Amino acid sequence: MEHRKTYIRHTLPHENHEIVLEGPVTPSHLRTLRMHPELDAFRKPEDQHLALIEIAGLPEGRIILARENDVIIGYVTFHYPDEMERWSQGNMPDLIELGAIEVSNEYRSLKIGSRMISTAFEDGQMEKYIVFTTEYYWHWDLKSSGLSVWDYRKMMERLMQTVDMVWYATDDPEICSHPANCLMVRIGKEVPIESEEQFDRIRFQQRFMY
């Protein structure tokens, strides 16, 4: 499957300078940048930087980022689901995971997360894909945000709804392990019905009757 990537760039005024929102970015561009030290939700900033470079080099991989000069202050990743997870079953070429989103604490009031996600969907780039994200409460920054599990869940739902992602049911054991976990999905306008049906079979695997 050919993966169409259209580079988009926006600027956001901030104090006496501007924040650049851009992507999908290339590995070579990422190598000229450095990570904000607070971007450590998933791994050390320097290790996460290497992971972003690797994802950007994948045929389907997309990195949308926010930066001040050469400092990355936020990012969103898109890629095929991990081969160890059920979502990779069937090797669907049009099933893409919104894998991670992270914004440095001091910039979280600027709605950078929703701006980055919206940038990824501009120019109809995602209309050929089923885009999904799995939200697990143990990945959420409850301490810094001061939010309860349920308030954080509502915040994440509102964030994903900016690009029309909606809640989908599933019997995936990890998602079902806590009621705050959820699966959110957006089905592009050009996705064939066969892919929707295949995705439904992946979502539900414990049915005893149909």
C-alpha atoms as a PDB file:
ATOM      1  CA  MET A   1       0.000   0.000   0.000  1.00  0.00           C
ATOM      2  CA  GLU A   2       1.320   3.428  -0.921  1.00  0.00           C
ATOM      3  CA  HIS A   3       1.375   5.740   2.093  1.00  0.00           C
ATOM      4  CA  ARG A   4       0.676   9.318   1.138  1.00  0.00           C
ATOM      5  CA  LYS A   5       2.473  11.849   3.316  1.00  0.00           C
ATOM      6  CA  THR A   6       1.892  15.568   2.831  1.00  0.00           C
ATOM      7  CA  TYR A   7       4.112  17.815   4.920  1.00  0.00           C
ATOM      8  CA  ILE A   8       2.088  20.435   6.831  1.00  0.00           C
ATOM      9  CA  ARG A   9       3.525  23.355   8.798  1.00  0.00           C
ATOM     10  CA  HIS A  10       1.766  25.769  11.149  1.00  0.00           C
ATOM     11  CA  THR A  11       3.056  28.401  13.539  1.00  0.00           C
ATOM     12  CA  LEU A  12       1.605  29.342  16.905  1.00  0.00           C
ATOM     13  CA  PRO A  13       2.582  32.676  18.521  1.00  0.00           C
ATOM     14  CA  HIS A  14       3.897  32.174  22.026  1.00  0.00           C
ATOM     15  CA  GLU A  15       5.240  35.020  24.172  1.00  0.00           C
ATOM     16  CA  ASN A  16       8.031  36.694  22.134  1.00  0.00           C
ATOM     17  CA  HIS A  17       8.532  33.872  19.640  1.00  0.00           C
ATOM     18  CA  GLU A  18       6.596  31.103  17.904  1.00  0.00           C
ATOM     19  CA  ILE A  19       5.974  27.406  18.156  1.00  0.00           C
ATOM     20  CA  VAL A  20       6.192  25.378  14.961  1.00  0.00           C
ATOM     21  CA  LEU A  21       3.796  22.476  14.432  1.00  0.00           C
ATOM     22  CA  GLU A  22       4.876  20.274  11.539  1.00  0.00           C
ATOM     23  CA  GLY A  23       4.831  16.868   9.997  1.00  0.00           C
ATOM     24  CA  PRO A  24       5.072  14.215   8.913  1.00  0.00           C
ATOM     25  CA  VAL A  25       8.767  14.944   9.467  1.00  0.00           C
ATOM     26  CA  THR A  26      11.718  12.997   8.086  1.00  0.00           C
ATOM     27  CA  PRO A  27      14.379  11.145  10.076  1.00  0.00           C
ATOM     28  CA  SER A  28      17.024  13.607   8.845  1.00  0.00           C
ATOM     29  CA  HIS A  29      15.003  16.551  10.145  1.00  0.00           C
ATOM     30  CA  LEU A  30      14.502  14.843  13.505  1.00  0.00           C
ATOM     31  CA  ARG A  31      18.242  14.337  13.843  1.00  0.00           C
ATOM     32  CA  THR A  32      18.744  18.124  13.793  1.00  0.00           C
ATOM     33  CA  LEU A  33      16.425  18.530  16.795  1.00  0.00           C
ATOM     34  CA  ARG A  34      16.621  17.653  20.474  1.00  0.00           C
ATOM     35  CA  MET A  35      14.015  16.596  22.990  1.00  0.00           C
ATOM     36  CA  HIS A  36      12.693  18.735  25.814  1.00  0.00           C
ATOM     37  CA  PRO A  37      13.882  17.078  29.062  1.00  0.00           C
ATOM     38  CA  GLU A  38      10.300  16.735  30.334  1.00  0.00           C
ATOM     39  CA  LEU A  39       9.328  14.386  27.490  1.00  0.00           C
ATOM     40  CA  ASP A  40       9.958  11.255  29.533  1.00  0.00           C
ATOM     41  CA  ALA A  41       6.513   9.641  29.879  1.00  0.00           C
ATOM     42  CA  PHE A  42       7.453   6.519  27.895  1.00  0.00           C
ATOM     43  CA  ARG A  43      11.253   6.391  28.116  1.00  0.00           C
ATOM     44  CA  LYS A  44      14.234   8.684  28.608  1.00  0.00           C
ATOM     45  CA  PRO A  45      14.106  11.702  26.249  1.00  0.00           C
ATOM     46  CA  GLU A  46      17.216  10.649  24.342  1.00  0.00           C
ATOM     47  CA  ASP A  47      15.819   7.130  23.866  1.00  0.00           C
ATOM     48  CA  GLN A  48      12.454   8.500  22.791  1.00  0.00           C
ATOM     49  CA  HIS A  49      14.254  10.712  20.269  1.00  0.00           C
ATOM     50  CA  LEU A  50      15.808   7.617  18.685  1.00  0.00           C
ATOM     51  CA  ALA A  51      12.404   5.924  18.640  1.00  0.00           C
ATOM     52  CA  LEU A  52      10.875   8.889  16.807  1.00  0.00           C
ATOM     53  CA  ILE A  53      13.633   8.781  14.201  1.00  0.00           C
ATOM     54  CA  GLU A  54      13.007   5.068  13.675  1.00  0.00           C
ATOM     55  CA  ILE A  55       9.226   5.523  13.298  1.00  0.00           C
ATOM     56  CA  ALA A  56       9.682   8.417  10.868  1.00  0.00           C
ATOM     57  CA  GLY A  57      11.712   6.101   8.634  1.00  0.00           C
ATOM     58  CA  LEU A  58       8.961   3.475   8.350  1.00  0.00           C
ATOM     59  CA  PRO A  59       6.909   3.472   5.129  1.00  0.00           C
ATOM     60  CA  GLU A  60       3.710   4.002   7.123  1.00  0.00           C
ATOM     61  CA  GLY A  61       5.318   5.901  10.006  1.00  0.00           C
ATOM     62  CA  ARG A  62       4.365   9.490  10.755  1.00  0.00           C
ATOM     63  CA  ILE A  63       5.708  11.879  13.352  1.00  0.00           C
ATOM     64  CA  ILE A  64       3.906  15.161  13.935  1.00  0.00           C
ATOM     65  CA  LEU A  65       5.782  17.440  16.309  1.00  0.00           C
ATOM     66  CA  ALA A  66       5.736  20.797  18.019  1.00  0.00           C
ATOM     67  CA  ARG A  67       9.017  22.612  18.558  1.00  0.00           C
ATOM     68  CA  GLU A  68      10.537  25.852  19.740  1.00  0.00           C
ATOM     69  CA  ASN A  69      13.577  26.482  17.576  1.00  0.00           C
ATOM     70  CA  ASP A  70      15.370  23.111  17.681  1.00  0.00           C
ATOM     71  CA  VAL A  71      13.705  21.771  20.852  1.00  0.00           C
ATOM     72  CA  ILE A  72      10.866  19.265  20.463  1.00  0.00           C
ATOM     73  CA  ILE A  73       8.172  20.133  23.022  1.00  0.00           C
ATOM     74  CA  GLY A  74       5.533  17.661  21.847  1.00  0.00           C
ATOM     75  CA  TYR A  75       4.935  14.849  19.385  1.00  0.00           C
ATOM     76  CA  VAL A  76       2.376  12.372  18.074  1.00  0.00           C
ATOM     77  CA  THR A  77       3.289   9.032  16.496  1.00  0.00           C
ATOM     78  CA  PHE A  78       1.432   6.968  13.884  1.00  0.00           C
ATOM     79  CA  HIS A  79       2.536   3.490  12.798  1.00  0.00           C
ATOM     80  CA  TYR A  80       1.359  -0.061  12.261  1.00  0.00           C
ATOM     81  CA  PRO A  81       0.341  -1.839  15.491  1.00  0.00           C
ATOM     82  CA  ASP A  82       2.964  -3.822  17.364  1.00  0.00           C
ATOM     83  CA  GLU A  83       3.192  -7.404  16.101  1.00  0.00           C
ATOM     84  CA  MET A  84       2.738  -8.661  19.682  1.00  0.00           C
ATOM     85  CA  GLU A  85      -0.723  -7.081  19.982  1.00  0.00           C
ATOM     86  CA  ARG A  86      -4.009  -8.397  18.602  1.00  0.00           C
ATOM     87  CA  TRP A  87      -4.407  -5.324  16.389  1.00  0.00           C
ATOM     88  CA  SER A  88      -1.664  -6.601  14.084  1.00  0.00           C
ATOM     89  CA  GLN A  89      -3.614  -9.768  13.298  1.00  0.00           C
ATOM     90  CA  GLY A  90      -4.493  -9.982   9.648  1.00  0.00           C
ATOM     91  CA  ASN A  91      -1.649  -7.616   8.695  1.00  0.00           C
ATOM     92  CA  MET A  92      -4.134  -4.974   7.596  1.00  0.00           C
ATOM     93  CA  PRO A  93      -2.309  -2.422   5.406  1.00  0.00           C
ATOM     94  CA  ASP A  94      -4.939   0.238   6.136  1.00  0.00           C
ATOM     95  CA  LEU A  95      -5.019  -0.089   9.946  1.00  0.00           C
ATOM     96  CA  ILE A  96      -2.825   2.572  11.596  1.00  0.00           C
ATOM     97  CA  GLU A  97      -2.276   3.139  15.304  1.00  0.00           C
ATOM     98  CA  LEU A  98      -2.011   6.543  16.913  1.00  0.00           C
ATOM     99  CA  GLY A  99       0.633   5.194  19.230  1.00  0.00           C
ATOM    100  CA  ALA A 100       1.774   7.986  21.521  1.00  0.00           C
ATOM    101  CA  ILE A 101       1.112  11.616  22.250  1.00  0.00           C
ATOM    102  CA  GLU A 102       3.175  13.669  24.656  1.00  0.00           C
ATOM    103  CA  VAL A 103       3.502  17.384  25.403  1.00  0.00           C
ATOM    104  CA  SER A 104       5.945  19.025  27.811  1.00  0.00           C
ATOM    105  CA  ASN A 105       4.210  20.133  31.024  1.00  0.00           C
ATOM    106  CA  GLU A 106       4.792  23.862  30.616  1.00  0.00           C
ATOM    107  CA  TYR A 107       3.068  23.920  27.199  1.00  0.00           C
ATOM    108  CA  ARG A 108      -0.045  21.893  27.984  1.00  0.00           C
ATOM    109  CA  SER A 109      -2.328  24.921  28.270  1.00  0.00           C
ATOM    110  CA  LEU A 110      -1.780  25.817  24.585  1.00  0.00           C
ATOM    111  CA  LYS A 111      -3.847  22.941  23.141  1.00  0.00           C
ATOM    112  CA  ILE A 112      -0.772  21.666  21.353  1.00  0.00           C
ATOM    113  CA  GLY A 113      -1.948  18.053  21.565  1.00  0.00           C
ATOM    114  CA  SER A 114      -5.143  18.683  19.617  1.00  0.00           C
ATOM    115  CA  ARG A 115      -3.307  20.911  17.145  1.00  0.00           C
ATOM    116  CA  MET A 116      -0.758  18.196  16.385  1.00  0.00           C
ATOM    117  CA  ILE A 117      -3.412  15.524  15.910  1.00  0.00           C
ATOM    118  CA  SER A 118      -5.446  17.796  13.647  1.00  0.00           C
ATOM    119  CA  THR A 119      -2.329  18.485  11.556  1.00  0.00           C
ATOM    120  CA  ALA A 120      -1.918  14.748  10.946  1.00  0.00           C
ATOM    121  CA  PHE A 121      -5.389  14.518   9.418  1.00  0.00           C
ATOM    122  CA  GLU A 122      -5.183  17.596   7.187  1.00  0.00           C
ATOM    123  CA  ASP A 123      -5.426  17.390   3.402  1.00  0.00           C
ATOM    124  CA  GLY A 124      -7.296  14.074   3.562  1.00  0.00           C
ATOM    125  CA  GLN A 125      -4.126  12.152   4.402  1.00  0.00           C
ATOM    126  CA  MET A 126      -5.888   9.651   6.658  1.00  0.00           C
ATOM    127  CA  GLU A 127      -9.040   8.949   4.635  1.00  0.00           C
ATOM    128  CA  LYS A 128      -7.704   5.589   3.420  1.00  0.00           C
ATOM    129  CA  TYR A 129      -7.031   4.333   6.939  1.00  0.00           C
ATOM    130  CA  ILE A 130      -8.757   3.026  10.009  1.00  0.00           C
ATOM    131  CA  VAL A 131      -6.907   4.981  12.703  1.00  0.00           C
ATOM    132  CA  PHE A 132      -7.194   3.692  16.259  1.00  0.00           C
ATOM    133  CA  THR A 133      -5.712   4.410  19.645  1.00  0.00           C
ATOM    134  CA  THR A 134      -5.753   2.333  22.812  1.00  0.00           C
ATOM    135  CA  GLU A 135      -6.006   4.390  25.981  1.00  0.00           C
ATOM    136  CA  TYR A 136      -4.651   2.774  29.160  1.00  0.00           C
ATOM    137  CA  TYR A 137      -4.936   4.599  32.460  1.00  0.00           C
ATOM    138  CA  TRP A 138      -1.454   3.488  33.559  1.00  0.00           C
ATOM    139  CA  HIS A 139       0.060   5.594  30.758  1.00  0.00           C
ATOM    140  CA  TRP A 140      -1.680   8.771  31.906  1.00  0.00           C
ATOM    141  CA  ASP A 141       0.144  11.535  33.756  1.00  0.00           C
ATOM    142  CA  LEU A 142      -2.302  11.726  36.650  1.00  0.00           C
ATOM    143  CA  LYS A 143       0.243  13.166  39.046  1.00  0.00           C
ATOM    144  CA  SER A 144       1.250  16.226  37.017  1.00  0.00           C
ATOM    145  CA  SER A 145      -2.259  16.904  35.724  1.00  0.00           C
ATOM    146  CA  GLY A 146      -3.941  16.613  39.107  1.00  0.00           C
ATOM    147  CA  LEU A 147      -6.867  14.886  37.381  1.00  0.00           C
ATOM    148  CA  SER A 148      -8.718  11.797  38.506  1.00  0.00           C
ATOM    149  CA  VAL A 149      -8.690   8.718  36.297  1.00  0.00           C
ATOM    150  CA  TRP A 150     -12.163   9.555  34.995  1.00  0.00           C
ATOM    151  CA  ASP A 151     -11.432  13.214  34.355  1.00  0.00           C
ATOM    152  CA  TYR A 152      -8.279  12.242  32.472  1.00  0.00           C
ATOM    153  CA  ARG A 153     -10.300   9.739  30.441  1.00  0.00           C
ATOM    154  CA  LYS A 154     -12.766  12.505  29.517  1.00  0.00           C
ATOM    155  CA  MET A 155      -9.871  14.762  28.523  1.00  0.00           C
ATOM    156  CA  MET A 156      -8.398  12.082  26.253  1.00  0.00           C
ATOM    157  CA  GLU A 157     -11.798  11.448  24.670  1.00  0.00           C
ATOM    158  CA  ARG A 158     -12.221  15.160  23.924  1.00  0.00           C
ATOM    159  CA  LEU A 159      -8.718  15.248  22.451  1.00  0.00           C
ATOM    160  CA  MET A 160      -9.400  12.355  20.075  1.00  0.00           C
ATOM    161  CA  GLN A 161     -12.814  13.734  19.164  1.00  0.00           C
ATOM    162  CA  THR A 162     -11.097  16.742  17.543  1.00  0.00           C
ATOM    163  CA  VAL A 163     -10.495  14.436  14.547  1.00  0.00           C
ATOM    164  CA  ASP A 164     -13.768  12.528  14.928  1.00  0.00           C
ATOM    165  CA  MET A 165     -12.344   9.500  16.695  1.00  0.00           C
ATOM    166  CA  VAL A 166     -15.057   7.789  18.724  1.00  0.00           C
ATOM    167  CA  TRP A 167     -15.316   5.079  21.360  1.00  0.00           C
ATOM    168  CA  TYR A 168     -15.524   1.505  20.031  1.00  0.00           C
ATOM    169  CA  ALA A 169     -16.356  -1.622  22.001  1.00  0.00           C
ATOM    170  CA  THR A 170     -13.899  -4.527  22.151  1.00  0.00           C
ATOM    171  CA  ASP A 171     -13.241  -7.661  24.158  1.00  0.00           C
ATOM    172  CA  ASP A 172      -9.477  -7.084  24.180  1.00  0.00           C
ATOM    173  CA  PRO A 173      -8.341  -8.288  27.640  1.00  0.00           C
ATOM    174  CA  GLU A 174      -5.977  -5.377  28.278  1.00  0.00           C
ATOM    175  CA  ILE A 175      -8.596  -2.771  27.533  1.00  0.00           C
ATOM    176  CA  CYS A 176     -11.221  -4.691  29.512  1.00  0.00           C
ATOM    177  CA  SER A 177      -8.897  -4.972  32.523  1.00  0.00           C
ATOM    178  CA  HIS A 178      -9.996  -1.523  33.782  1.00  0.00           C
ATOM    179  CA  PRO A 179     -13.189   0.421  32.991  1.00  0.00           C
ATOM    180  CA  ALA A 180     -11.242   3.638  32.322  1.00  0.00           C
ATOM    181  CA  ASN A 181      -9.314   2.035  29.461  1.00  0.00           C
ATOM    182  CA  CYS A 182     -10.831   2.458  26.030  1.00  0.00           C
ATOM    183  CA  LEU A 183     -10.463   1.974  22.292  1.00  0.00           C
ATOM    184  CA  MET A 184     -11.069   5.004  20.046  1.00  0.00           C
ATOM    185  CA  VAL A 185     -11.324   4.754  16.277  1.00  0.00           C
ATOM    186  CA  ARG A 186     -11.779   6.845  13.151  1.00  0.00           C
ATOM    187  CA  ILE A 187     -12.695   5.113   9.888  1.00  0.00           C
ATOM    188  CA  GLY A 188     -11.610   7.116   6.853  1.00  0.00           C
ATOM    189  CA  LYS A 189     -14.053   7.911   4.069  1.00  0.00           C
ATOM    190  CA  GLU A 190     -12.109   5.790   1.556  1.00  0.00           C
ATOM    191  CA  VAL A 191     -11.808   2.655   3.697  1.00  0.00           C
ATOM    192  CA  PRO A 192     -13.511  -0.336   2.009  1.00  0.00           C
ATOM    193  CA  ILE A 193     -16.258  -2.217   3.841  1.00  0.00           C
ATOM    194  CA  GLU A 194     -14.079  -5.357   3.781  1.00  0.00           C
ATOM    195  CA  SER A 195     -11.527  -3.614   5.995  1.00  0.00           C
ATOM    196  CA  GLU A 196     -14.227  -2.485   8.422  1.00  0.00           C
ATOM    197  CA  GLU A 197     -15.481  -6.056   8.687  1.00  0.00           C
ATOM    198  CA  GLN A 198     -11.973  -7.398   9.243  1.00  0.00           C
ATOM    199  CA  PHE A 199     -11.399  -4.805  11.971  1.00  0.00           C
ATOM    200  CA  ASP A 200     -14.642  -5.910  13.655  1.00  0.00           C
ATOM    201  CA  ARG A 201     -13.370  -9.501  13.708  1.00  0.00           C
ATOM    202  CA  ILE A 202     -10.169  -8.298  15.385  1.00  0.00           C
ATOM    203  CA  ARG A 203     -12.082  -6.223  17.942  1.00  0.00           C
ATOM    204  CA  PHE A 204     -14.213  -9.171  19.037  1.00  0.00           C
ATOM    205  CA  GLN A 205     -12.677 -12.615  19.341  1.00  0.00           C
ATOM    206  CA  GLN A 206     -14.635 -14.137  22.238  1.00  0.00           C
ATOM    207  CA  ARG A 207     -18.042 -14.354  20.560  1.00  0.00           C
ATOM    208  CA  PHE A 208     -19.880 -17.652  21.022  1.00  0.00           C
ATOM    209  CA  MET A 209     -22.582 -16.815  18.505  1.00  0.00           C
ATOM    210  CA  TYR A 210     -23.177 -14.270  15.769  1.00  0.00           C
END
